[in-house]
Amino acid sequence: MINLFGFSALGIALFALSNKNIIKLRTWHFISSSMYIIYGFAINAIPVVVGAILYCFIHAYHIYNSKNIQ
C-alpha cells in the first residue's frame, strides 16, 4: 500500500514536468515533494525526507516570489 503512495508521488512529479507554466510545474512538484516526505517517513528513508523538504522550501520560495512580483 505504501509503495502505491510512493508511485503516486512519482506520477504527480512526472505530471509536473509536463507543464510548460513554471508556476504550475512548481505547484505540482511541491505537492509531490510533500507526498515524498510522508513516503520517506513511512519507509524510514531519511535522505528521501530531507531531499523532499529541501524541494518544498525551494518551490515555496519561488512560488511566493512569483506571486509578489506579478
PDB file of N, CA and C in Angstrom:
ATOM      1  N   MET A   1       0.821  -1.200   0.000  1.00  0.00           N
ATOM      2  CA  MET A   1       0.000   0.000   0.000  1.00  0.00           C
ATOM      3  C   MET A   1       0.868   1.268   0.000  1.00  0.00           C
ATOM      4  N   ILE A   2       1.921   1.255   0.826  1.00  0.00           N
ATOM      5  CA  ILE A   2       2.771   2.443   0.884  1.00  0.00           C
ATOM      6  C   ILE A   2       3.525   2.642  -0.434  1.00  0.00           C
ATOM      7  N   ASN A   3       3.847   1.541  -1.115  1.00  0.00           N
ATOM      8  CA  ASN A   3       4.503   1.681  -2.422  1.00  0.00           C
ATOM      9  C   ASN A   3       3.590   2.353  -3.431  1.00  0.00           C
ATOM     10  N   LEU A   4       2.305   2.090  -3.351  1.00  0.00           N
ATOM     11  CA  LEU A   4       1.343   2.755  -4.235  1.00  0.00           C
ATOM     12  C   LEU A   4       1.365   4.262  -3.997  1.00  0.00           C
ATOM     13  N   PHE A   5       1.480   4.660  -2.733  1.00  0.00           N
ATOM     14  CA  PHE A   5       1.573   6.080  -2.389  1.00  0.00           C
ATOM     15  C   PHE A   5       2.845   6.686  -2.996  1.00  0.00           C
ATOM     16  N   GLY A   6       3.955   5.961  -2.905  1.00  0.00           N
ATOM     17  CA  GLY A   6       5.211   6.427  -3.490  1.00  0.00           C
ATOM     18  C   GLY A   6       5.130   6.553  -5.000  1.00  0.00           C
ATOM     19  N   PHE A   7       4.489   5.572  -5.643  1.00  0.00           N
ATOM     20  CA  PHE A   7       4.324   5.651  -7.098  1.00  0.00           C
ATOM     21  C   PHE A   7       3.371   6.781  -7.486  1.00  0.00           C
ATOM     22  N   SER A   8       2.399   7.075  -6.637  1.00  0.00           N
ATOM     23  CA  SER A   8       1.507   8.215  -6.894  1.00  0.00           C
ATOM     24  C   SER A   8       2.297   9.519  -6.849  1.00  0.00           C
ATOM     25  N   ALA A   9       3.191   9.636  -5.878  1.00  0.00           N
ATOM     26  CA  ALA A   9       4.050  10.824  -5.794  1.00  0.00           C
ATOM     27  C   ALA A   9       4.914  10.941  -7.045  1.00  0.00           C
ATOM     28  N   LEU A  10       5.431   9.819  -7.506  1.00  0.00           N
ATOM     29  CA  LEU A  10       6.225   9.811  -8.733  1.00  0.00           C
ATOM     30  C   LEU A  10       5.390  10.241  -9.931  1.00  0.00           C
ATOM     31  N   GLY A  11       4.162   9.744 -10.022  1.00  0.00           N
ATOM     32  CA  GLY A  11       3.271  10.123 -11.119  1.00  0.00           C
ATOM     33  C   GLY A  11       2.980  11.612 -11.128  1.00  0.00           C
ATOM     34  N   ILE A  12       2.755  12.175  -9.948  1.00  0.00           N
ATOM     35  CA  ILE A  12       2.495  13.617  -9.858  1.00  0.00           C
ATOM     36  C   ILE A  12       3.745  14.404 -10.250  1.00  0.00           C
ATOM     37  N   ALA A  13       4.915  13.926  -9.842  1.00  0.00           N
ATOM     38  CA  ALA A  13       6.164  14.600 -10.219  1.00  0.00           C
ATOM     39  C   ALA A  13       6.356  14.580 -11.732  1.00  0.00           C
ATOM     40  N   LEU A  14       6.060  13.452 -12.355  1.00  0.00           N
ATOM     41  CA  LEU A  14       6.173  13.372 -13.813  1.00  0.00           C
ATOM     42  C   LEU A  14       5.154  14.272 -14.497  1.00  0.00           C
ATOM     43  N   PHE A  15       3.945  14.326 -13.948  1.00  0.00           N
ATOM     44  CA  PHE A  15       2.931  15.235 -14.480  1.00  0.00           C
ATOM     45  C   PHE A  15       3.406  16.680 -14.354  1.00  0.00           C
ATOM     46  N   ALA A  16       4.027  17.011 -13.226  1.00  0.00           N
ATOM     47  CA  ALA A  16       4.520  18.374 -13.010  1.00  0.00           C
ATOM     48  C   ALA A  16       5.499  18.772 -14.107  1.00  0.00           C
ATOM     49  N   LEU A  17       6.353  17.847 -14.489  1.00  0.00           N
ATOM     50  CA  LEU A  17       7.358  18.152 -15.510  1.00  0.00           C
ATOM     51  C   LEU A  17       6.764  18.330 -16.897  1.00  0.00           C
ATOM     52  N   SER A  18       5.523  17.914 -17.076  1.00  0.00           N
ATOM     53  CA  SER A  18       4.879  18.082 -18.380  1.00  0.00           C
ATOM     54  C   SER A  18       4.259  19.469 -18.546  1.00  0.00           C
ATOM     55  N   ASN A  19       4.240  20.263 -17.484  1.00  0.00           N
ATOM     56  CA  ASN A  19       3.663  21.605 -17.545  1.00  0.00           C
ATOM     57  C   ASN A  19       4.667  22.598 -18.100  1.00  0.00           C
ATOM     58  N   LYS A  20       4.206  23.453 -18.993  1.00  0.00           N
ATOM     59  CA  LYS A  20       5.073  24.498 -19.532  1.00  0.00           C
ATOM     60  C   LYS A  20       5.038  25.744 -18.647  1.00  0.00           C
ATOM     61  N   ASN A  21       3.957  25.919 -17.915  1.00  0.00           N
ATOM     62  CA  ASN A  21       3.837  27.044 -16.996  1.00  0.00           C
ATOM     63  C   ASN A  21       4.656  26.731 -15.742  1.00  0.00           C
ATOM     64  N   ILE A  22       5.638  27.580 -15.445  1.00  0.00           N
ATOM     65  CA  ILE A  22       6.567  27.307 -14.350  1.00  0.00           C
ATOM     66  C   ILE A  22       5.873  27.301 -12.991  1.00  0.00           C
ATOM     67  N   ILE A  23       4.854  28.131 -12.807  1.00  0.00           N
ATOM     68  CA  ILE A  23       4.145  28.152 -11.521  1.00  0.00           C
ATOM     69  C   ILE A  23       3.385  26.846 -11.324  1.00  0.00           C
ATOM     70  N   LYS A  24       2.735  26.359 -12.371  1.00  0.00           N
ATOM     71  CA  LYS A  24       2.041  25.072 -12.268  1.00  0.00           C
ATOM     72  C   LYS A  24       3.040  23.947 -12.021  1.00  0.00           C
ATOM     73  N   LEU A  25       4.181  24.001 -12.714  1.00  0.00           N
ATOM     74  CA  LEU A  25       5.212  22.986 -12.508  1.00  0.00           C
ATOM     75  C   LEU A  25       5.652  22.970 -11.055  1.00  0.00           C
ATOM     76  N   ARG A  26       5.962  24.144 -10.522  1.00  0.00           N
ATOM     77  CA  ARG A  26       6.425  24.222  -9.136  1.00  0.00           C
ATOM     78  C   ARG A  26       5.335  23.803  -8.148  1.00  0.00           C
ATOM     79  N   THR A  27       4.090  24.170  -8.420  1.00  0.00           N
ATOM     80  CA  THR A  27       2.990  23.805  -7.526  1.00  0.00           C
ATOM     81  C   THR A  27       2.794  22.297  -7.488  1.00  0.00           C
ATOM     82  N   TRP A  28       2.743  21.669  -8.653  1.00  0.00           N
ATOM     83  CA  TRP A  28       2.562  20.218  -8.696  1.00  0.00           C
ATOM     84  C   TRP A  28       3.765  19.490  -8.109  1.00  0.00           C
ATOM     85  N   HIS A  29       4.964  20.010  -8.356  1.00  0.00           N
ATOM     86  CA  HIS A  29       6.143  19.355  -7.792  1.00  0.00           C
ATOM     87  C   HIS A  29       6.194  19.552  -6.282  1.00  0.00           C
ATOM     88  N   PHE A  30       5.692  20.680  -5.785  1.00  0.00           N
ATOM     89  CA  PHE A  30       5.584  20.893  -4.338  1.00  0.00           C
ATOM     90  C   PHE A  30       4.666  19.837  -3.727  1.00  0.00           C
ATOM     91  N   ILE A  31       3.551  19.564  -4.400  1.00  0.00           N
ATOM     92  CA  ILE A  31       2.611  18.542  -3.916  1.00  0.00           C
ATOM     93  C   ILE A  31       3.288  17.171  -3.898  1.00  0.00           C
ATOM     94  N   SER A  32       3.986  16.833  -4.965  1.00  0.00           N
ATOM     95  CA  SER A  32       4.651  15.519  -4.998  1.00  0.00           C
ATOM     96  C   SER A  32       5.762  15.441  -3.949  1.00  0.00           C
ATOM     97  N   SER A  33       6.465  16.524  -3.722  1.00  0.00           N
ATOM     98  CA  SER A  33       7.510  16.530  -2.698  1.00  0.00           C
ATOM     99  C   SER A  33       6.917  16.354  -1.309  1.00  0.00           C
ATOM    100  N   SER A  34       5.762  16.957  -1.081  1.00  0.00           N
ATOM    101  CA  SER A  34       5.074  16.767   0.199  1.00  0.00           C
ATOM    102  C   SER A  34       4.706  15.300   0.393  1.00  0.00           C
ATOM    103  N   MET A  35       4.281  14.672  -0.685  1.00  0.00           N
ATOM    104  CA  MET A  35       3.959  13.242  -0.611  1.00  0.00           C
ATOM    105  C   MET A  35       5.221  12.415  -0.352  1.00  0.00           C
ATOM    106  N   TYR A  36       6.343  12.823  -0.937  1.00  0.00           N
ATOM    107  CA  TYR A  36       7.601  12.104  -0.704  1.00  0.00           C
ATOM    108  C   TYR A  36       8.058  12.224   0.745  1.00  0.00           C
ATOM    109  N   ILE A  37       7.733  13.335   1.403  1.00  0.00           N
ATOM    110  CA  ILE A  37       8.054  13.463   2.827  1.00  0.00           C
ATOM    111  C   ILE A  37       7.324  12.377   3.612  1.00  0.00           C
ATOM    112  N   ILE A  38       6.037  12.240   3.353  1.00  0.00           N
ATOM    113  CA  ILE A  38       5.239  11.214   4.030  1.00  0.00           C
ATOM    114  C   ILE A  38       5.770   9.823   3.687  1.00  0.00           C
ATOM    115  N   TYR A  39       6.025   9.598   2.408  1.00  0.00           N
ATOM    116  CA  TYR A  39       6.533   8.304   1.946  1.00  0.00           C
ATOM    117  C   TYR A  39       7.886   7.988   2.588  1.00  0.00           C
ATOM    118  N   GLY A  40       8.762   8.970   2.636  1.00  0.00           N
ATOM    119  CA  GLY A  40      10.084   8.766   3.231  1.00  0.00           C
ATOM    120  C   GLY A  40      10.013   8.387   4.695  1.00  0.00           C
ATOM    121  N   PHE A  41       9.123   9.048   5.445  1.00  0.00           N
ATOM    122  CA  PHE A  41       8.937   8.672   6.846  1.00  0.00           C
ATOM    123  C   PHE A  41       8.371   7.262   6.960  1.00  0.00           C
ATOM    124  N   ALA A  42       7.442   6.924   6.074  1.00  0.00           N
ATOM    125  CA  ALA A  42       6.792   5.608   6.136  1.00  0.00           C
ATOM    126  C   ALA A  42       7.776   4.469   5.884  1.00  0.00           C
ATOM    127  N   ILE A  43       8.753   4.695   5.010  1.00  0.00           N
ATOM    128  CA  ILE A  43       9.725   3.637   4.721  1.00  0.00           C
ATOM    129  C   ILE A  43      11.041   3.863   5.471  1.00  0.00           C
ATOM    130  N   ASN A  44      11.053   4.848   6.353  1.00  0.00           N
ATOM    131  CA  ASN A  44      12.220   5.167   7.175  1.00  0.00           C
ATOM    132  C   ASN A  44      13.446   5.480   6.317  1.00  0.00           C
ATOM    133  N   ALA A  45      13.241   6.333   5.324  1.00  0.00           N
ATOM    134  CA  ALA A  45      14.322   6.754   4.427  1.00  0.00           C
ATOM    135  C   ALA A  45      14.565   8.251   4.627  1.00  0.00           C
ATOM    136  N   ILE A  46      15.419   8.565   5.571  1.00  0.00           N
ATOM    137  CA  ILE A  46      15.674   9.962   5.932  1.00  0.00           C
ATOM    138  C   ILE A  46      16.234  10.778   4.761  1.00  0.00           C
ATOM    139  N   PRO A  47      17.114  10.247   3.912  1.00  0.00           N
ATOM    140  CA  PRO A  47      17.571  11.046   2.765  1.00  0.00           C
ATOM    141  C   PRO A  47      16.427  11.472   1.841  1.00  0.00           C
ATOM    142  N   VAL A  48      15.431  10.622   1.671  1.00  0.00           N
ATOM    143  CA  VAL A  48      14.258  10.979   0.858  1.00  0.00           C
ATOM    144  C   VAL A  48      13.508  12.125   1.525  1.00  0.00           C
ATOM    145  N   VAL A  49      13.341  12.039   2.836  1.00  0.00           N
ATOM    146  CA  VAL A  49      12.635  13.085   3.585  1.00  0.00           C
ATOM    147  C   VAL A  49      13.379  14.411   3.476  1.00  0.00           C
ATOM    148  N   VAL A  50      14.678  14.385   3.699  1.00  0.00           N
ATOM    149  CA  VAL A  50      15.476  15.619   3.656  1.00  0.00           C
ATOM    150  C   VAL A  50      15.434  16.244   2.262  1.00  0.00           C
ATOM    151  N   GLY A  51      15.609  15.435   1.239  1.00  0.00           N
ATOM    152  CA  GLY A  51      15.549  15.952  -0.127  1.00  0.00           C
ATOM    153  C   GLY A  51      14.201  16.555  -0.455  1.00  0.00           C
ATOM    154  N   ALA A  52      13.140  15.881  -0.051  1.00  0.00           N
ATOM    155  CA  ALA A  52      11.792  16.381  -0.328  1.00  0.00           C
ATOM    156  C   ALA A  52      11.517  17.678   0.427  1.00  0.00           C
ATOM    157  N   ILE A  53      12.001  17.772   1.659  1.00  0.00           N
ATOM    158  CA  ILE A  53      11.833  19.021   2.419  1.00  0.00           C
ATOM    159  C   ILE A  53      12.558  20.166   1.716  1.00  0.00           C
ATOM    160  N   LEU A  54      13.769  19.907   1.239  1.00  0.00           N
ATOM    161  CA  LEU A  54      14.510  20.947   0.513  1.00  0.00           C
ATOM    162  C   LEU A  54      13.773  21.373  -0.748  1.00  0.00           C
ATOM    163  N   TYR A  55      13.245  20.396  -1.496  1.00  0.00           N
ATOM    164  CA  TYR A  55      12.442  20.727  -2.681  1.00  0.00           C
ATOM    165  C   TYR A  55      11.249  21.596  -2.303  1.00  0.00           C
ATOM    166  N   CYS A  56      10.571  21.250  -1.218  1.00  0.00           N
ATOM    167  CA  CYS A  56       9.399  22.028  -0.794  1.00  0.00           C
ATOM    168  C   CYS A  56       9.781  23.471  -0.491  1.00  0.00           C
ATOM    169  N   PHE A  57      10.893  23.661   0.229  1.00  0.00           N
ATOM    170  CA  PHE A  57      11.332  25.021   0.536  1.00  0.00           C
ATOM    171  C   PHE A  57      11.674  25.798  -0.732  1.00  0.00           C
ATOM    172  N   ILE A  58      12.382  25.169  -1.637  1.00  0.00           N
ATOM    173  CA  ILE A  58      12.770  25.842  -2.885  1.00  0.00           C
ATOM    174  C   ILE A  58      11.539  26.223  -3.700  1.00  0.00           C
ATOM    175  N   HIS A  59      10.609  25.282  -3.862  1.00  0.00           N
ATOM    176  CA  HIS A  59       9.409  25.570  -4.651  1.00  0.00           C
ATOM    177  C   HIS A  59       8.532  26.613  -3.962  1.00  0.00           C
ATOM    178  N   ALA A  60       8.380  26.520  -2.649  1.00  0.00           N
ATOM    179  CA  ALA A  60       7.569  27.502  -1.918  1.00  0.00           C
ATOM    180  C   ALA A  60       8.169  28.897  -2.061  1.00  0.00           C
ATOM    181  N   TYR A  61       9.482  29.003  -1.966  1.00  0.00           N
ATOM    182  CA  TYR A  61      10.164  30.287  -2.116  1.00  0.00           C
ATOM    183  C   TYR A  61       9.883  30.899  -3.489  1.00  0.00           C
ATOM    184  N   HIS A  62      10.040  30.106  -4.535  1.00  0.00           N
ATOM    185  CA  HIS A  62       9.837  30.625  -5.891  1.00  0.00           C
ATOM    186  C   HIS A  62       8.367  30.916  -6.182  1.00  0.00           C
ATOM    187  N   ILE A  63       7.469  30.104  -5.676  1.00  0.00           N
ATOM    188  CA  ILE A  63       6.033  30.375  -5.862  1.00  0.00           C
ATOM    189  C   ILE A  63       5.663  31.671  -5.153  1.00  0.00           C
ATOM    190  N   TYR A  64       6.140  31.835  -3.919  1.00  0.00           N
ATOM    191  CA  TYR A  64       5.852  33.047  -3.148  1.00  0.00           C
ATOM    192  C   TYR A  64       6.401  34.283  -3.858  1.00  0.00           C
ATOM    193  N   ASN A  65       7.628  34.213  -4.329  1.00  0.00           N
ATOM    194  CA  ASN A  65       8.226  35.365  -5.014  1.00  0.00           C
ATOM    195  C   ASN A  65       7.539  35.675  -6.330  1.00  0.00           C
ATOM    196  N   SER A  66       7.096  34.676  -7.049  1.00  0.00           N
ATOM    197  CA  SER A  66       6.425  34.939  -8.325  1.00  0.00           C
ATOM    198  C   SER A  66       5.061  35.578  -8.105  1.00  0.00           C
ATOM    199  N   LYS A  67       4.396  35.251  -7.018  1.00  0.00           N
ATOM    200  CA  LYS A  67       3.097  35.861  -6.708  1.00  0.00           C
ATOM    201  C   LYS A  67       3.277  37.323  -6.308  1.00  0.00           C
ATOM    202  N   ASN A  68       4.369  37.649  -5.623  1.00  0.00           N
ATOM    203  CA  ASN A  68       4.612  39.022  -5.188  1.00  0.00           C
ATOM    204  C   ASN A  68       5.071  39.918  -6.328  1.00  0.00           C
ATOM    205  N   ILE A  69       5.717  39.347  -7.328  1.00  0.00           N
ATOM    206  CA  ILE A  69       6.209  40.135  -8.461  1.00  0.00           C
ATOM    207  C   ILE A  69       5.059  40.545  -9.372  1.00  0.00           C
ATOM    208  N   GLN A  70       4.102  39.646  -9.562  1.00  0.00           N
ATOM    209  CA  GLN A  70       3.008  39.908 -10.504  1.00  0.00           C
ATOM    210  C   GLN A  70       2.074  40.923  -9.994  1.00  0.00           C
TER     211      GLN A  70
END
